[in-house]
Amino acid sequence: MQASDIMTTDVVSVRPDTSVFEAATLLAEQHISGVPVIDDHGNVVGILTEGDLLHRVEMGTGKPQRSWLGEFLHSTRKLAGEYLKEHAVRVADIMTENVVSVAPSADLSEIADVLERHHIKRVPVLENGKLVGIVSRSNLIRALADALRPDPQAAASDEAIRHGVLDALQGRRWAMSTENVVVKDGVVHFWGTVSSEEERKAILVSADHVAGVKGVEDHLGYPVVFAQM
């Protein structure tokens, strides 16, 4: 799946000259946590999020006055930036300008990596520099829910199920040998030894995404250590 498959195309946006108060009202009414900022030519020039609106003098949530030493230890750029976040009345003055974006062809793993790496909740989808959609964490969760929805018609032979499990385990250093995977009447039996609880859980989970699996039986154990006399 790609960004174009799951993105929201009816995107709520604001202009750089939109007032902070109008933008805050929009976020509240639309139940969203951020909006892209679009200029007169349709270009994305920034993004405004709830985080940009947290510290406002109107709510009494502005940064407390620092001591003279605290003021001295911070750059004037940082201090001026904080003042803007607290007092500015135009979106252009408080929005994040360095916008992270993805292309419509970006796959979901790339999008998830972008959201995690940049600690953001949504990412605009741009095509030829123009906004065509937006992908949020909720879009990814919805895609996951659809992917995990069981197919009641799914059926597979024991041999097909076994091959599916072995494919899932292939190349994993923590996987047991192939002869320790047995499938009978749709139930996967895992035998062998593991060195950690994480290994045990990972092995058992390998069968969860294989079509036709009716159950999983855990026969895994830890190596027996004999004390030397």
C-alpha atoms as a PDB file:
ATOM      1  CA  MET A   1       0.000   0.000   0.000  1.00  0.00           C
ATOM      2  CA  GLN A   2       1.073   3.560  -0.688  1.00  0.00           C
ATOM      3  CA  ALA A   3       0.320   7.002   0.681  1.00  0.00           C
ATOM      4  CA  SER A   4      -2.211   7.536  -2.113  1.00  0.00           C
ATOM      5  CA  ASP A   5      -4.176   4.501  -0.874  1.00  0.00           C
ATOM      6  CA  ILE A   6      -4.766   5.740   2.663  1.00  0.00           C
ATOM      7  CA  MET A   7      -4.305   9.534   2.631  1.00  0.00           C
ATOM      8  CA  THR A   8      -7.062  11.996   3.432  1.00  0.00           C
ATOM      9  CA  THR A   9      -7.688  14.058   0.305  1.00  0.00           C
ATOM     10  CA  ASP A  10     -10.224  16.509   1.751  1.00  0.00           C
ATOM     11  CA  VAL A  11      -7.545  18.415   3.639  1.00  0.00           C
ATOM     12  CA  VAL A  12      -8.345  21.322   5.931  1.00  0.00           C
ATOM     13  CA  SER A  13      -5.737  24.072   5.512  1.00  0.00           C
ATOM     14  CA  VAL A  14      -5.046  27.674   6.472  1.00  0.00           C
ATOM     15  CA  ARG A  15      -3.231  30.607   4.884  1.00  0.00           C
ATOM     16  CA  PRO A  16      -0.132  32.312   6.287  1.00  0.00           C
ATOM     17  CA  ASP A  17      -2.177  35.422   7.125  1.00  0.00           C
ATOM     18  CA  THR A  18      -4.863  33.475   8.983  1.00  0.00           C
ATOM     19  CA  SER A  19      -5.110  34.652  12.571  1.00  0.00           C
ATOM     20  CA  VAL A  20      -3.933  32.351  15.341  1.00  0.00           C
ATOM     21  CA  PHE A  21      -7.375  32.574  16.906  1.00  0.00           C
ATOM     22  CA  GLU A  22      -9.116  31.488  13.700  1.00  0.00           C
ATOM     23  CA  ALA A  23      -6.670  28.610  13.343  1.00  0.00           C
ATOM     24  CA  ALA A  24      -7.225  27.490  16.936  1.00  0.00           C
ATOM     25  CA  THR A  25     -10.995  27.570  16.385  1.00  0.00           C
ATOM     26  CA  LEU A  26     -10.594  25.494  13.230  1.00  0.00           C
ATOM     27  CA  LEU A  27      -8.533  22.828  15.014  1.00  0.00           C
ATOM     28  CA  ALA A  28     -11.091  22.634  17.806  1.00  0.00           C
ATOM     29  CA  GLU A  29     -14.144  22.475  15.533  1.00  0.00           C
ATOM     30  CA  GLN A  30     -12.635  19.958  13.103  1.00  0.00           C
ATOM     31  CA  HIS A  31     -11.190  17.798  15.914  1.00  0.00           C
ATOM     32  CA  ILE A  32      -7.766  17.773  14.273  1.00  0.00           C
ATOM     33  CA  SER A  33      -4.324  18.384  15.740  1.00  0.00           C
ATOM     34  CA  GLY A  34      -2.649  20.148  12.833  1.00  0.00           C
ATOM     35  CA  VAL A  35      -3.154  21.819   9.450  1.00  0.00           C
ATOM     36  CA  PRO A  36      -0.889  22.598   6.488  1.00  0.00           C
ATOM     37  CA  VAL A  37      -0.364  26.249   5.613  1.00  0.00           C
ATOM     38  CA  ILE A  38      -0.887  27.022   1.896  1.00  0.00           C
ATOM     39  CA  ASP A  39       0.168  30.183   0.051  1.00  0.00           C
ATOM     40  CA  ASP A  40      -1.601  31.917  -2.861  1.00  0.00           C
ATOM     41  CA  HIS A  41       0.079  29.586  -5.383  1.00  0.00           C
ATOM     42  CA  GLY A  42      -1.028  26.392  -3.652  1.00  0.00           C
ATOM     43  CA  ASN A  43       2.401  25.653  -2.207  1.00  0.00           C
ATOM     44  CA  VAL A  44       2.811  24.227   1.274  1.00  0.00           C
ATOM     45  CA  VAL A  45       4.851  26.817   3.182  1.00  0.00           C
ATOM     46  CA  GLY A  46       4.420  25.464   6.685  1.00  0.00           C
ATOM     47  CA  ILE A  47       2.386  23.413   9.087  1.00  0.00           C
ATOM     48  CA  LEU A  48       0.587  24.502  12.234  1.00  0.00           C
ATOM     49  CA  THR A  49       0.064  22.035  15.072  1.00  0.00           C
ATOM     50  CA  GLU A  50      -1.369  22.015  18.564  1.00  0.00           C
ATOM     51  CA  GLY A  51       2.186  22.206  19.856  1.00  0.00           C
ATOM     52  CA  ASP A  52       2.579  25.642  18.289  1.00  0.00           C
ATOM     53  CA  LEU A  53      -0.375  26.879  20.334  1.00  0.00           C
ATOM     54  CA  LEU A  54       0.462  25.454  23.749  1.00  0.00           C
ATOM     55  CA  HIS A  55       2.285  28.451  25.198  1.00  0.00           C
ATOM     56  CA  ARG A  56       0.046  31.510  24.814  1.00  0.00           C
ATOM     57  CA  VAL A  57      -0.225  34.602  26.973  1.00  0.00           C
ATOM     58  CA  GLU A  58      -4.004  34.543  26.515  1.00  0.00           C
ATOM     59  CA  MET A  59      -4.208  31.274  28.453  1.00  0.00           C
ATOM     60  CA  GLY A  60      -1.506  32.122  30.960  1.00  0.00           C
ATOM     61  CA  THR A  61       0.643  29.285  29.608  1.00  0.00           C
ATOM     62  CA  GLY A  62       3.517  31.446  28.415  1.00  0.00           C
ATOM     63  CA  LYS A  63       7.043  30.590  29.468  1.00  0.00           C
ATOM     64  CA  PRO A  64       7.794  31.877  32.983  1.00  0.00           C
ATOM     65  CA  GLN A  65      10.237  34.747  33.224  1.00  0.00           C
ATOM     66  CA  ARG A  66      13.749  33.382  33.561  1.00  0.00           C
ATOM     67  CA  SER A  67      16.401  34.701  35.875  1.00  0.00           C
ATOM     68  CA  TRP A  68      19.064  36.930  34.367  1.00  0.00           C
ATOM     69  CA  LEU A  69      21.351  33.880  34.221  1.00  0.00           C
ATOM     70  CA  GLY A  70      18.689  31.820  32.459  1.00  0.00           C
ATOM     71  CA  GLU A  71      18.237  34.615  29.927  1.00  0.00           C
ATOM     72  CA  PHE A  72      21.986  34.835  29.413  1.00  0.00           C
ATOM     73  CA  LEU A  73      22.365  31.088  28.804  1.00  0.00           C
ATOM     74  CA  HIS A  74      19.801  31.044  25.977  1.00  0.00           C
ATOM     75  CA  SER A  75      20.418  32.502  22.535  1.00  0.00           C
ATOM     76  CA  THR A  76      18.514  35.612  21.544  1.00  0.00           C
ATOM     77  CA  ARG A  77      17.106  33.601  18.624  1.00  0.00           C
ATOM     78  CA  LYS A  78      15.552  31.079  21.014  1.00  0.00           C
ATOM     79  CA  LEU A  79      14.200  33.800  23.302  1.00  0.00           C
ATOM     80  CA  ALA A  80      12.687  35.719  20.386  1.00  0.00           C
ATOM     81  CA  GLY A  81      11.189  32.502  19.013  1.00  0.00           C
ATOM     82  CA  GLU A  82       9.502  31.792  22.344  1.00  0.00           C
ATOM     83  CA  TYR A  83       8.085  35.319  22.391  1.00  0.00           C
ATOM     84  CA  LEU A  84       6.630  34.800  18.913  1.00  0.00           C
ATOM     85  CA  LYS A  85       4.944  31.538  19.932  1.00  0.00           C
ATOM     86  CA  GLU A  86       3.387  33.302  22.913  1.00  0.00           C
ATOM     87  CA  HIS A  87       2.295  36.584  21.315  1.00  0.00           C
ATOM     88  CA  ALA A  88       2.081  36.387  17.501  1.00  0.00           C
ATOM     89  CA  VAL A  89      -1.384  36.763  15.970  1.00  0.00           C
ATOM     90  CA  ARG A  90      -0.637  35.425  12.452  1.00  0.00           C
ATOM     91  CA  VAL A  91      -0.114  31.779  11.577  1.00  0.00           C
ATOM     92  CA  ALA A  92       2.954  32.699   9.485  1.00  0.00           C
ATOM     93  CA  ASP A  93       4.782  33.816  12.626  1.00  0.00           C
ATOM     94  CA  ILE A  94       4.356  30.606  14.632  1.00  0.00           C
ATOM     95  CA  MET A  95       4.062  27.815  12.060  1.00  0.00           C
ATOM     96  CA  THR A  96       6.806  25.259  11.477  1.00  0.00           C
ATOM     97  CA  GLU A  97       8.394  26.208   8.153  1.00  0.00           C
ATOM     98  CA  ASN A  98      10.581  23.174   7.472  1.00  0.00           C
ATOM     99  CA  VAL A  99       7.802  20.857   6.373  1.00  0.00           C
ATOM    100  CA  VAL A 100       8.496  17.145   6.165  1.00  0.00           C
ATOM    101  CA  SER A 101       6.517  15.567   3.321  1.00  0.00           C
ATOM    102  CA  VAL A 102       6.124  12.338   1.351  1.00  0.00           C
ATOM    103  CA  ALA A 103       5.165  11.509  -2.221  1.00  0.00           C
ATOM    104  CA  PRO A 104       1.899   9.742  -3.159  1.00  0.00           C
ATOM    105  CA  SER A 105       3.988   6.680  -4.049  1.00  0.00           C
ATOM    106  CA  ALA A 106       5.600   6.426  -0.594  1.00  0.00           C
ATOM    107  CA  ASP A 107       4.931   3.018   0.949  1.00  0.00           C
ATOM    108  CA  LEU A 108       3.518   2.678   4.440  1.00  0.00           C
ATOM    109  CA  SER A 109       6.792   1.575   6.009  1.00  0.00           C
ATOM    110  CA  GLU A 110       8.447   4.767   4.746  1.00  0.00           C
ATOM    111  CA  ILE A 111       5.593   6.890   6.116  1.00  0.00           C
ATOM    112  CA  ALA A 112       5.717   5.178   9.515  1.00  0.00           C
ATOM    113  CA  ASP A 113       9.473   5.764   9.626  1.00  0.00           C
ATOM    114  CA  VAL A 114       9.030   9.468   8.785  1.00  0.00           C
ATOM    115  CA  LEU A 115       6.404   9.954  11.503  1.00  0.00           C
ATOM    116  CA  GLU A 116       8.538   8.184  14.093  1.00  0.00           C
ATOM    117  CA  ARG A 117      11.864   9.766  13.142  1.00  0.00           C
ATOM    118  CA  HIS A 118      10.506  13.313  13.171  1.00  0.00           C
ATOM    119  CA  HIS A 119       8.165  12.796  16.139  1.00  0.00           C
ATOM    120  CA  ILE A 120       5.168  14.080  14.186  1.00  0.00           C
ATOM    121  CA  LYS A 121       1.544  12.952  13.989  1.00  0.00           C
ATOM    122  CA  ARG A 122       0.835  13.736  10.337  1.00  0.00           C
ATOM    123  CA  VAL A 123       2.714  14.289   7.099  1.00  0.00           C
ATOM    124  CA  PRO A 124       1.560  16.175   3.972  1.00  0.00           C
ATOM    125  CA  VAL A 125       1.544  14.307   0.658  1.00  0.00           C
ATOM    126  CA  LEU A 126       2.973  16.452  -2.133  1.00  0.00           C
ATOM    127  CA  GLU A 127       2.940  15.910  -5.884  1.00  0.00           C
ATOM    128  CA  ASN A 128       4.926  18.363  -7.992  1.00  0.00           C
ATOM    129  CA  GLY A 129       5.108  20.593  -4.943  1.00  0.00           C
ATOM    130  CA  LYS A 130       1.329  20.743  -4.526  1.00  0.00           C
ATOM    131  CA  LEU A 131      -0.682  19.336  -1.650  1.00  0.00           C
ATOM    132  CA  VAL A 132      -2.750  16.309  -2.678  1.00  0.00           C
ATOM    133  CA  GLY A 133      -3.447  14.785   0.720  1.00  0.00           C
ATOM    134  CA  ILE A 134      -2.267  14.166   4.228  1.00  0.00           C
ATOM    135  CA  VAL A 135      -1.438  10.974   6.094  1.00  0.00           C
ATOM    136  CA  SER A 136      -1.858  10.875   9.863  1.00  0.00           C
ATOM    137  CA  ARG A 137      -1.121   8.209  12.424  1.00  0.00           C
ATOM    138  CA  SER A 138      -4.843   7.471  12.501  1.00  0.00           C
ATOM    139  CA  ASN A 139      -4.737   6.702   8.753  1.00  0.00           C
ATOM    140  CA  LEU A 140      -2.021   4.142   9.414  1.00  0.00           C
ATOM    141  CA  ILE A 141      -3.978   2.615  12.301  1.00  0.00           C
ATOM    142  CA  ARG A 142      -7.042   2.342  10.056  1.00  0.00           C
ATOM    143  CA  ALA A 143      -4.943   0.589   7.399  1.00  0.00           C
ATOM    144  CA  LEU A 144      -3.656  -1.801  10.058  1.00  0.00           C
ATOM    145  CA  ALA A 145      -7.192  -2.552  11.213  1.00  0.00           C
ATOM    146  CA  ASP A 146      -8.215  -3.387   7.646  1.00  0.00           C
ATOM    147  CA  ALA A 147      -5.146  -5.571   7.173  1.00  0.00           C
ATOM    148  CA  LEU A 148      -5.838  -7.512  10.367  1.00  0.00           C
ATOM    149  CA  ARG A 149      -9.519  -8.103   9.621  1.00  0.00           C
ATOM    150  CA  PRO A 150      -9.901 -11.903   9.408  1.00  0.00           C
ATOM    151  CA  ASP A 151     -11.149 -13.506   6.209  1.00  0.00           C
ATOM    152  CA  PRO A 152     -13.809 -16.079   7.153  1.00  0.00           C
ATOM    153  CA  GLN A 153     -13.326 -17.788   3.785  1.00  0.00           C
ATOM    154  CA  ALA A 154      -9.610 -18.297   4.309  1.00  0.00           C
ATOM    155  CA  ALA A 155      -8.558 -21.937   4.287  1.00  0.00           C
ATOM    156  CA  ALA A 156      -5.265 -23.659   3.693  1.00  0.00           C
ATOM    157  CA  SER A 157      -3.759 -27.107   3.885  1.00  0.00           C
ATOM    158  CA  ASP A 158      -1.413 -28.025   6.717  1.00  0.00           C
ATOM    159  CA  GLU A 159       1.480 -28.055   4.278  1.00  0.00           C
ATOM    160  CA  ALA A 160       0.619 -24.572   2.960  1.00  0.00           C
ATOM    161  CA  ILE A 161       0.367 -23.253   6.518  1.00  0.00           C
ATOM    162  CA  ARG A 162       3.734 -24.788   7.409  1.00  0.00           C
ATOM    163  CA  HIS A 163       5.374 -23.193   4.379  1.00  0.00           C
ATOM    164  CA  GLY A 164       3.842 -19.850   5.367  1.00  0.00           C
ATOM    165  CA  VAL A 165       5.268 -20.091   8.891  1.00  0.00           C
ATOM    166  CA  LEU A 166       8.688 -21.128   7.613  1.00  0.00           C
ATOM    167  CA  ASP A 167       8.683 -18.183   5.208  1.00  0.00           C
ATOM    168  CA  ALA A 168       7.918 -15.843   8.113  1.00  0.00           C
ATOM    169  CA  LEU A 169      10.818 -17.310  10.107  1.00  0.00           C
ATOM    170  CA  GLN A 170      13.313 -17.461   7.255  1.00  0.00           C
ATOM    171  CA  GLY A 171      16.502 -15.528   7.913  1.00  0.00           C
ATOM    172  CA  ARG A 172      15.673 -14.833  11.556  1.00  0.00           C
ATOM    173  CA  ARG A 173      18.618 -15.651  13.804  1.00  0.00           C
ATOM    174  CA  TRP A 174      16.303 -16.429  16.695  1.00  0.00           C
ATOM    175  CA  ALA A 175      14.190 -18.962  14.753  1.00  0.00           C
ATOM    176  CA  MET A 176      14.334 -22.683  15.513  1.00  0.00           C
ATOM    177  CA  SER A 177      15.204 -25.346  12.939  1.00  0.00           C
ATOM    178  CA  THR A 178      12.549 -26.149  10.354  1.00  0.00           C
ATOM    179  CA  GLU A 179      11.857 -29.647  11.648  1.00  0.00           C
ATOM    180  CA  ASN A 180      10.593 -28.127  14.888  1.00  0.00           C
ATOM    181  CA  VAL A 181       7.580 -26.587  13.133  1.00  0.00           C
ATOM    182  CA  VAL A 182       4.692 -29.039  12.862  1.00  0.00           C
ATOM    183  CA  VAL A 183       1.175 -28.316  11.593  1.00  0.00           C
ATOM    184  CA  LYS A 184      -1.754 -30.636  12.240  1.00  0.00           C
ATOM    185  CA  ASP A 185      -5.379 -29.847  11.405  1.00  0.00           C
ATOM    186  CA  GLY A 186      -4.545 -26.157  11.022  1.00  0.00           C
ATOM    187  CA  VAL A 187      -2.830 -25.902  14.418  1.00  0.00           C
ATOM    188  CA  VAL A 188       0.846 -24.882  14.426  1.00  0.00           C
ATOM    189  CA  HIS A 189       3.069 -26.637  16.969  1.00  0.00           C
ATOM    190  CA  PHE A 190       6.424 -25.104  17.837  1.00  0.00           C
ATOM    191  CA  TRP A 191       9.104 -27.303  19.426  1.00  0.00           C
ATOM    192  CA  GLY A 192      12.672 -26.598  20.474  1.00  0.00           C
ATOM    193  CA  THR A 193      14.549 -24.315  22.822  1.00  0.00           C
ATOM    194  CA  VAL A 194      14.755 -20.545  23.192  1.00  0.00           C
ATOM    195  CA  SER A 195      17.119 -18.300  25.119  1.00  0.00           C
ATOM    196  CA  SER A 196      14.669 -15.525  26.035  1.00  0.00           C
ATOM    197  CA  GLU A 197      10.990 -14.773  26.454  1.00  0.00           C
ATOM    198  CA  GLU A 198      11.227 -12.330  23.555  1.00  0.00           C
ATOM    199  CA  GLU A 199      12.378 -15.174  21.287  1.00  0.00           C
ATOM    200  CA  ARG A 200       9.472 -17.325  22.425  1.00  0.00           C
ATOM    201  CA  LYS A 201       6.913 -14.601  21.733  1.00  0.00           C
ATOM    202  CA  ALA A 202       8.447 -13.727  18.347  1.00  0.00           C
ATOM    203  CA  ILE A 203       8.321 -17.375  17.253  1.00  0.00           C
ATOM    204  CA  LEU A 204       4.686 -17.739  18.292  1.00  0.00           C
ATOM    205  CA  VAL A 205       3.727 -14.457  16.573  1.00  0.00           C
ATOM    206  CA  SER A 206       5.236 -15.696  13.288  1.00  0.00           C
ATOM    207  CA  ALA A 207       2.150 -17.872  12.801  1.00  0.00           C
ATOM    208  CA  ASP A 208      -0.383 -15.122  13.461  1.00  0.00           C
ATOM    209  CA  HIS A 209      -0.282 -13.677   9.942  1.00  0.00           C
ATOM    210  CA  VAL A 210      -0.379 -16.982   8.068  1.00  0.00           C
ATOM    211  CA  ALA A 211      -3.710 -17.647   6.366  1.00  0.00           C
ATOM    212  CA  GLY A 212      -5.643 -20.669   7.616  1.00  0.00           C
ATOM    213  CA  VAL A 213      -4.009 -20.988  11.045  1.00  0.00           C
ATOM    214  CA  LYS A 214      -6.585 -22.190  13.577  1.00  0.00           C
ATOM    215  CA  GLY A 215      -4.373 -22.158  16.626  1.00  0.00           C
ATOM    216  CA  VAL A 216      -0.824 -22.190  17.981  1.00  0.00           C
ATOM    217  CA  GLU A 217       0.619 -24.652  20.494  1.00  0.00           C
ATOM    218  CA  ASP A 218       3.721 -23.636  22.460  1.00  0.00           C
ATOM    219  CA  HIS A 219       6.100 -26.510  23.237  1.00  0.00           C
ATOM    220  CA  LEU A 220       9.167 -24.291  23.492  1.00  0.00           C
ATOM    221  CA  GLY A 221      11.483 -24.464  26.470  1.00  0.00           C
ATOM    222  CA  TYR A 222      14.809 -23.254  27.799  1.00  0.00           C
ATOM    223  CA  PRO A 223      18.018 -25.294  27.533  1.00  0.00           C
ATOM    224  CA  VAL A 224      18.672 -27.581  30.486  1.00  0.00           C
ATOM    225  CA  VAL A 225      21.875 -26.621  32.280  1.00  0.00           C
ATOM    226  CA  PHE A 226      23.576 -29.336  34.301  1.00  0.00           C
ATOM    227  CA  ALA A 227      25.743 -28.213  37.183  1.00  0.00           C
ATOM    228  CA  GLN A 228      29.257 -29.532  37.138  1.00  0.00           C
ATOM    229  CA  MET A 229      30.243 -31.724  40.033  1.00  0.00           C
END
